[in-house]
Amino acid sequence: MEKTYAINGKTYVQRPLVLGQAAQLLALLKGVSIPGEATALGIVAALGERIPDALAIALTEEGMSPRDKNVTALAEELAFALPPETALEVVDHFFELNPLSSWLNQVADLMNRIGTGMKSTAAPGSTSSVSC
């Protein structure tokens, strides 16, 4: 699944994140507080001046790999080429393509399985515990 956008005479694609993009986005979001119930507009407001960088991480020029793009140069281009309504659309589509609640459920399930495995391998009478 992917979404496409025509921006400044070029076509950009947004797909589900790959690990490299997720790492870039996590680094960018350090220190940013986004309320759980935030809308696309609320997320754009919370990101403030970081929004072009976030969009440059999420978008890739058609025919290019996320690995090969220059995120800094793309962010500079998007800052002066992307209309605000398209930025909101990209943010909205981001959550369609990357269902964070599904990721969180998978992490919680994995932590529970790890915890169960650790408890079953603990020495008899030990009181080890695992918390998420």
N, C-alpha and C. Protein backbone atom coordinates (compact mmCIF):
# COMPACT_ATOMS: atom_id res chain seq x y z
N MET A 1 0.85 -1.18 0.00
CA MET A 1 0.00 0.00 0.00
C MET A 1 0.90 1.23 0.00
N GLU A 2 0.53 2.24 -0.76
CA GLU A 2 1.28 3.48 -0.81
C GLU A 2 0.39 4.63 -1.22
N LYS A 3 0.86 5.84 -0.92
CA LYS A 3 0.17 7.07 -1.31
C LYS A 3 1.15 7.88 -2.14
N THR A 4 0.65 8.57 -3.16
CA THR A 4 1.52 9.40 -3.99
C THR A 4 1.07 10.86 -3.93
N TYR A 5 2.05 11.75 -4.11
CA TYR A 5 1.81 13.19 -4.03
C TYR A 5 2.63 13.88 -5.12
N ALA A 6 2.02 14.82 -5.83
CA ALA A 6 2.73 15.64 -6.80
C ALA A 6 3.12 16.94 -6.09
N ILE A 7 4.42 17.15 -5.96
CA ILE A 7 4.94 18.32 -5.24
C ILE A 7 6.04 18.95 -6.08
N ASN A 8 5.82 20.18 -6.48
CA ASN A 8 6.84 20.96 -7.18
C ASN A 8 7.35 20.24 -8.44
N GLY A 9 6.42 19.62 -9.17
CA GLY A 9 6.78 18.96 -10.42
C GLY A 9 7.37 17.57 -10.27
N LYS A 10 7.44 17.06 -9.04
CA LYS A 10 7.98 15.72 -8.80
C LYS A 10 6.90 14.87 -8.13
N THR A 11 7.03 13.56 -8.27
CA THR A 11 6.11 12.64 -7.60
C THR A 11 6.82 12.01 -6.42
N TYR A 12 6.18 12.10 -5.27
CA TYR A 12 6.71 11.50 -4.04
C TYR A 12 5.78 10.39 -3.59
N VAL A 13 6.37 9.39 -2.96
CA VAL A 13 5.62 8.22 -2.51
C VAL A 13 5.78 8.09 -1.00
N GLN A 14 4.69 7.73 -0.35
CA GLN A 14 4.74 7.40 1.07
C GLN A 14 4.29 5.95 1.20
N ARG A 15 5.14 5.16 1.83
CA ARG A 15 4.86 3.74 2.06
C ARG A 15 4.99 3.48 3.56
N PRO A 16 4.61 2.29 4.01
CA PRO A 16 4.90 1.96 5.41
C PRO A 16 6.40 2.11 5.68
N LEU A 17 6.73 2.61 6.86
CA LEU A 17 8.12 2.85 7.22
C LEU A 17 8.95 1.58 7.19
N VAL A 18 10.21 1.74 6.83
CA VAL A 18 11.20 0.68 7.01
C VAL A 18 12.01 1.05 8.25
N LEU A 19 12.81 0.12 8.74
CA LEU A 19 13.54 0.34 10.00
C LEU A 19 14.40 1.60 9.98
N GLY A 20 15.08 1.87 8.88
CA GLY A 20 15.92 3.06 8.80
C GLY A 20 15.12 4.35 8.96
N GLN A 21 13.95 4.41 8.34
CA GLN A 21 13.09 5.58 8.48
C GLN A 21 12.56 5.70 9.90
N ALA A 22 12.20 4.57 10.51
CA ALA A 22 11.70 4.59 11.88
C ALA A 22 12.77 5.15 12.82
N ALA A 23 14.02 4.74 12.63
CA ALA A 23 15.11 5.25 13.46
C ALA A 23 15.30 6.75 13.26
N GLN A 24 15.23 7.21 12.01
CA GLN A 24 15.35 8.64 11.73
C GLN A 24 14.23 9.42 12.41
N LEU A 25 13.02 8.89 12.32
CA LEU A 25 11.87 9.57 12.90
C LEU A 25 11.95 9.60 14.43
N LEU A 26 12.37 8.50 15.03
CA LEU A 26 12.52 8.47 16.49
C LEU A 26 13.54 9.50 16.96
N ALA A 27 14.65 9.62 16.24
CA ALA A 27 15.67 10.61 16.59
C ALA A 27 15.11 12.03 16.47
N LEU A 28 14.33 12.27 15.43
CA LEU A 28 13.73 13.59 15.22
C LEU A 28 12.71 13.94 16.30
N LEU A 29 12.00 12.93 16.80
CA LEU A 29 10.91 13.17 17.76
C LEU A 29 11.38 13.29 19.21
N LYS A 30 12.66 13.10 19.48
CA LYS A 30 13.15 13.24 20.85
C LYS A 30 12.83 14.63 21.36
N GLY A 31 12.18 14.67 22.52
CA GLY A 31 11.83 15.95 23.13
C GLY A 31 10.52 16.54 22.65
N VAL A 32 9.86 15.88 21.70
CA VAL A 32 8.58 16.37 21.19
C VAL A 32 7.46 15.66 21.94
N SER A 33 6.50 16.43 22.42
CA SER A 33 5.36 15.87 23.13
C SER A 33 4.13 15.98 22.24
N ILE A 34 3.58 14.83 21.87
CA ILE A 34 2.38 14.79 21.03
C ILE A 34 1.27 14.12 21.82
N PRO A 35 0.18 14.84 22.09
CA PRO A 35 -0.93 14.23 22.83
C PRO A 35 -1.50 13.02 22.08
N GLY A 36 -1.92 12.02 22.83
CA GLY A 36 -2.45 10.79 22.25
C GLY A 36 -3.65 11.01 21.34
N GLU A 37 -4.44 12.02 21.62
CA GLU A 37 -5.65 12.27 20.84
C GLU A 37 -5.44 13.32 19.75
N ALA A 38 -4.18 13.66 19.45
CA ALA A 38 -3.88 14.72 18.49
C ALA A 38 -4.38 14.36 17.09
N THR A 39 -4.88 15.36 16.40
CA THR A 39 -5.27 15.23 15.00
C THR A 39 -4.04 15.51 14.14
N ALA A 40 -4.18 15.39 12.83
CA ALA A 40 -3.07 15.71 11.93
C ALA A 40 -2.59 17.14 12.16
N LEU A 41 -3.52 18.07 12.36
CA LEU A 41 -3.16 19.47 12.61
C LEU A 41 -2.41 19.59 13.94
N GLY A 42 -2.84 18.86 14.95
CA GLY A 42 -2.17 18.89 16.25
C GLY A 42 -0.75 18.33 16.16
N ILE A 43 -0.56 17.32 15.35
CA ILE A 43 0.77 16.74 15.18
C ILE A 43 1.68 17.72 14.45
N VAL A 44 1.15 18.36 13.42
CA VAL A 44 1.93 19.37 12.70
C VAL A 44 2.31 20.51 13.64
N ALA A 45 1.38 20.93 14.48
CA ALA A 45 1.66 22.00 15.45
C ALA A 45 2.72 21.56 16.45
N ALA A 46 2.62 20.31 16.95
CA ALA A 46 3.59 19.81 17.92
C ALA A 46 4.99 19.70 17.32
N LEU A 47 5.07 19.32 16.06
CA LEU A 47 6.37 19.21 15.40
C LEU A 47 6.98 20.58 15.10
N GLY A 48 6.11 21.58 14.89
CA GLY A 48 6.59 22.93 14.63
C GLY A 48 7.56 22.99 13.47
N GLU A 49 8.73 23.55 13.73
CA GLU A 49 9.72 23.71 12.65
C GLU A 49 10.33 22.39 12.21
N ARG A 50 10.04 21.31 12.90
CA ARG A 50 10.56 19.99 12.51
C ARG A 50 9.70 19.31 11.45
N ILE A 51 8.55 19.88 11.12
CA ILE A 51 7.63 19.21 10.20
C ILE A 51 8.27 18.93 8.83
N PRO A 52 9.02 19.84 8.22
CA PRO A 52 9.63 19.48 6.93
C PRO A 52 10.57 18.28 7.05
N ASP A 53 11.30 18.18 8.17
CA ASP A 53 12.20 17.04 8.37
C ASP A 53 11.41 15.74 8.50
N ALA A 54 10.31 15.78 9.25
CA ALA A 54 9.48 14.58 9.42
C ALA A 54 8.88 14.15 8.08
N LEU A 55 8.42 15.11 7.30
CA LEU A 55 7.84 14.79 6.00
C LEU A 55 8.91 14.24 5.06
N ALA A 56 10.13 14.78 5.15
CA ALA A 56 11.23 14.29 4.31
C ALA A 56 11.60 12.86 4.66
N ILE A 57 11.42 12.48 5.91
CA ILE A 57 11.67 11.10 6.31
C ILE A 57 10.57 10.19 5.75
N ALA A 58 9.33 10.65 5.82
CA ALA A 58 8.19 9.82 5.40
C ALA A 58 8.06 9.71 3.88
N LEU A 59 8.44 10.75 3.16
CA LEU A 59 8.27 10.77 1.70
C LEU A 59 9.56 10.41 0.98
N THR A 60 9.42 9.72 -0.13
CA THR A 60 10.57 9.36 -0.97
C THR A 60 10.19 9.66 -2.41
N GLU A 61 11.11 10.28 -3.14
CA GLU A 61 10.84 10.55 -4.54
C GLU A 61 10.60 9.24 -5.28
N GLU A 62 9.61 9.25 -6.16
CA GLU A 62 9.25 8.04 -6.90
C GLU A 62 10.47 7.48 -7.62
N GLY A 63 10.65 6.16 -7.51
CA GLY A 63 11.77 5.48 -8.16
C GLY A 63 13.04 5.47 -7.33
N MET A 64 13.02 6.09 -6.16
CA MET A 64 14.20 6.16 -5.30
C MET A 64 13.98 5.32 -4.04
N SER A 65 15.05 4.84 -3.46
CA SER A 65 14.99 4.08 -2.21
C SER A 65 15.08 5.06 -1.03
N PRO A 66 14.40 4.79 0.08
CA PRO A 66 14.55 5.64 1.26
C PRO A 66 16.01 5.75 1.71
N ARG A 67 16.80 4.75 1.47
CA ARG A 67 18.21 4.74 1.86
C ARG A 67 19.01 5.79 1.08
N ASP A 68 18.63 6.03 -0.18
CA ASP A 68 19.43 6.86 -1.06
C ASP A 68 19.07 8.34 -1.05
N LYS A 69 18.03 8.72 -0.34
CA LYS A 69 17.62 10.13 -0.39
C LYS A 69 18.41 10.96 0.61
N ASN A 70 18.54 12.24 0.29
CA ASN A 70 19.17 13.21 1.17
C ASN A 70 18.04 13.89 1.95
N VAL A 71 17.83 13.44 3.18
CA VAL A 71 16.70 13.93 3.98
C VAL A 71 16.79 15.44 4.22
N THR A 72 17.99 15.93 4.48
CA THR A 72 18.17 17.36 4.75
C THR A 72 17.79 18.20 3.52
N ALA A 73 18.28 17.80 2.35
CA ALA A 73 17.97 18.54 1.13
C ALA A 73 16.47 18.46 0.81
N LEU A 74 15.88 17.28 1.01
CA LEU A 74 14.45 17.12 0.75
C LEU A 74 13.63 17.97 1.72
N ALA A 75 14.03 18.03 2.98
CA ALA A 75 13.31 18.86 3.96
C ALA A 75 13.35 20.32 3.55
N GLU A 76 14.51 20.79 3.08
CA GLU A 76 14.62 22.19 2.63
C GLU A 76 13.72 22.45 1.44
N GLU A 77 13.65 21.49 0.52
CA GLU A 77 12.79 21.65 -0.65
C GLU A 77 11.31 21.66 -0.25
N LEU A 78 10.92 20.72 0.61
CA LEU A 78 9.53 20.63 1.02
C LEU A 78 9.07 21.86 1.81
N ALA A 79 9.97 22.45 2.57
CA ALA A 79 9.62 23.61 3.40
C ALA A 79 9.05 24.75 2.55
N PHE A 80 9.51 24.86 1.31
CA PHE A 80 9.05 25.97 0.47
C PHE A 80 8.29 25.52 -0.77
N ALA A 81 7.93 24.24 -0.84
CA ALA A 81 7.18 23.73 -1.99
C ALA A 81 5.88 23.04 -1.60
N LEU A 82 5.78 22.61 -0.34
CA LEU A 82 4.63 21.81 0.08
C LEU A 82 3.53 22.69 0.66
N PRO A 83 2.36 22.69 0.05
CA PRO A 83 1.23 23.46 0.62
C PRO A 83 0.80 22.85 1.96
N PRO A 84 0.35 23.67 2.90
CA PRO A 84 -0.06 23.16 4.22
C PRO A 84 -1.11 22.06 4.15
N GLU A 85 -2.07 22.17 3.23
CA GLU A 85 -3.10 21.13 3.15
C GLU A 85 -2.52 19.79 2.72
N THR A 86 -1.49 19.81 1.88
CA THR A 86 -0.83 18.56 1.48
C THR A 86 -0.03 18.00 2.65
N ALA A 87 0.60 18.87 3.43
CA ALA A 87 1.34 18.41 4.62
C ALA A 87 0.39 17.69 5.58
N LEU A 88 -0.80 18.25 5.79
CA LEU A 88 -1.79 17.61 6.65
C LEU A 88 -2.23 16.26 6.08
N GLU A 89 -2.39 16.21 4.77
CA GLU A 89 -2.78 14.96 4.11
C GLU A 89 -1.69 13.89 4.30
N VAL A 90 -0.42 14.28 4.16
CA VAL A 90 0.69 13.34 4.33
C VAL A 90 0.69 12.80 5.76
N VAL A 91 0.50 13.69 6.75
CA VAL A 91 0.48 13.25 8.15
C VAL A 91 -0.69 12.29 8.38
N ASP A 92 -1.85 12.62 7.85
CA ASP A 92 -3.02 11.76 8.01
C ASP A 92 -2.76 10.39 7.38
N HIS A 93 -2.20 10.36 6.18
CA HIS A 93 -1.90 9.10 5.50
C HIS A 93 -0.82 8.31 6.24
N PHE A 94 0.09 9.02 6.90
CA PHE A 94 1.16 8.34 7.65
C PHE A 94 0.55 7.33 8.63
N PHE A 95 -0.51 7.74 9.34
CA PHE A 95 -1.11 6.87 10.34
C PHE A 95 -1.96 5.76 9.72
N GLU A 96 -2.43 5.97 8.49
CA GLU A 96 -3.09 4.88 7.77
C GLU A 96 -2.08 3.81 7.37
N LEU A 97 -0.91 4.26 6.93
CA LEU A 97 0.12 3.34 6.45
C LEU A 97 0.94 2.72 7.57
N ASN A 98 0.98 3.36 8.73
CA ASN A 98 1.78 2.90 9.87
C ASN A 98 0.92 2.86 11.12
N PRO A 99 0.10 1.82 11.26
CA PRO A 99 -0.80 1.75 12.41
C PRO A 99 -0.04 1.54 13.72
N LEU A 100 0.26 2.64 14.40
CA LEU A 100 1.08 2.58 15.61
C LEU A 100 0.46 1.73 16.70
N SER A 101 -0.87 1.73 16.79
CA SER A 101 -1.50 0.91 17.82
C SER A 101 -1.22 -0.57 17.58
N SER A 102 -1.14 -0.97 16.32
CA SER A 102 -0.81 -2.35 15.99
C SER A 102 0.62 -2.67 16.41
N TRP A 103 1.54 -1.73 16.18
CA TRP A 103 2.93 -1.93 16.60
C TRP A 103 3.01 -2.09 18.10
N LEU A 104 2.30 -1.21 18.83
CA LEU A 104 2.34 -1.27 20.29
C LEU A 104 1.78 -2.58 20.81
N ASN A 105 0.71 -3.06 20.19
CA ASN A 105 0.14 -4.35 20.59
C ASN A 105 1.14 -5.48 20.34
N GLN A 106 1.87 -5.42 19.22
CA GLN A 106 2.85 -6.46 18.92
C GLN A 106 4.00 -6.42 19.93
N VAL A 107 4.45 -5.22 20.30
CA VAL A 107 5.52 -5.10 21.30
C VAL A 107 5.05 -5.65 22.64
N ALA A 108 3.83 -5.29 23.05
CA ALA A 108 3.30 -5.78 24.33
C ALA A 108 3.19 -7.31 24.31
N ASP A 109 2.72 -7.86 23.20
CA ASP A 109 2.61 -9.32 23.08
C ASP A 109 3.99 -9.97 23.16
N LEU A 110 4.96 -9.40 22.48
CA LEU A 110 6.32 -9.93 22.52
C LEU A 110 6.88 -9.88 23.94
N MET A 111 6.68 -8.76 24.64
CA MET A 111 7.17 -8.62 26.01
C MET A 111 6.51 -9.65 26.92
N ASN A 112 5.23 -9.89 26.73
CA ASN A 112 4.54 -10.92 27.53
C ASN A 112 5.12 -12.31 27.27
N ARG A 113 5.39 -12.62 26.01
CA ARG A 113 5.97 -13.93 25.67
C ARG A 113 7.37 -14.06 26.26
N ILE A 114 8.15 -12.99 26.19
CA ILE A 114 9.50 -13.02 26.77
C ILE A 114 9.39 -13.22 28.28
N GLY A 115 8.48 -12.48 28.91
CA GLY A 115 8.29 -12.60 30.35
C GLY A 115 7.87 -14.00 30.75
N THR A 116 6.96 -14.59 30.00
CA THR A 116 6.51 -15.96 30.28
C THR A 116 7.67 -16.93 30.12
N GLY A 117 8.47 -16.75 29.09
CA GLY A 117 9.62 -17.61 28.86
C GLY A 117 10.64 -17.49 29.97
N MET A 118 10.86 -16.28 30.48
CA MET A 118 11.82 -16.09 31.56
C MET A 118 11.33 -16.72 32.85
N LYS A 119 10.03 -16.61 33.10
CA LYS A 119 9.48 -17.21 34.32
C LYS A 119 9.59 -18.72 34.29
N SER A 120 9.38 -19.31 33.10
CA SER A 120 9.41 -20.77 33.01
C SER A 120 10.83 -21.31 33.10
N THR A 121 11.84 -20.47 32.81
CA THR A 121 13.22 -20.93 32.89
C THR A 121 13.89 -20.52 34.18
N ALA A 122 13.19 -19.80 35.05
CA ALA A 122 13.76 -19.38 36.34
C ALA A 122 13.95 -20.58 37.24
N ALA A 123 14.92 -20.49 38.13
CA ALA A 123 15.18 -21.56 39.08
C ALA A 123 13.99 -21.72 40.02
N PRO A 124 13.70 -22.95 40.43
CA PRO A 124 12.57 -23.16 41.35
C PRO A 124 12.75 -22.30 42.61
N GLY A 125 11.67 -21.65 43.01
CA GLY A 125 11.67 -20.84 44.22
C GLY A 125 12.16 -19.41 43.98
N SER A 126 12.65 -19.08 42.77
CA SER A 126 13.11 -17.71 42.52
C SER A 126 11.89 -16.83 42.28
N THR A 127 12.07 -15.56 42.50
CA THR A 127 10.96 -14.62 42.34
C THR A 127 11.33 -13.54 41.34
N SER A 128 11.72 -13.96 40.14
CA SER A 128 12.05 -12.97 39.12
C SER A 128 10.75 -12.42 38.53
N SER A 129 10.81 -11.19 38.08
CA SER A 129 9.64 -10.60 37.44
C SER A 129 10.10 -9.78 36.25
N VAL A 130 9.21 -9.61 35.31
CA VAL A 130 9.46 -8.84 34.12
C VAL A 130 8.36 -7.83 33.99
N SER A 131 8.74 -6.59 33.70
CA SER A 131 7.70 -5.56 33.49
C SER A 131 7.94 -4.90 32.15
N CYS A 132 6.88 -4.46 31.52
CA CYS A 132 6.98 -3.81 30.23
C CYS A 132 7.16 -2.34 30.41
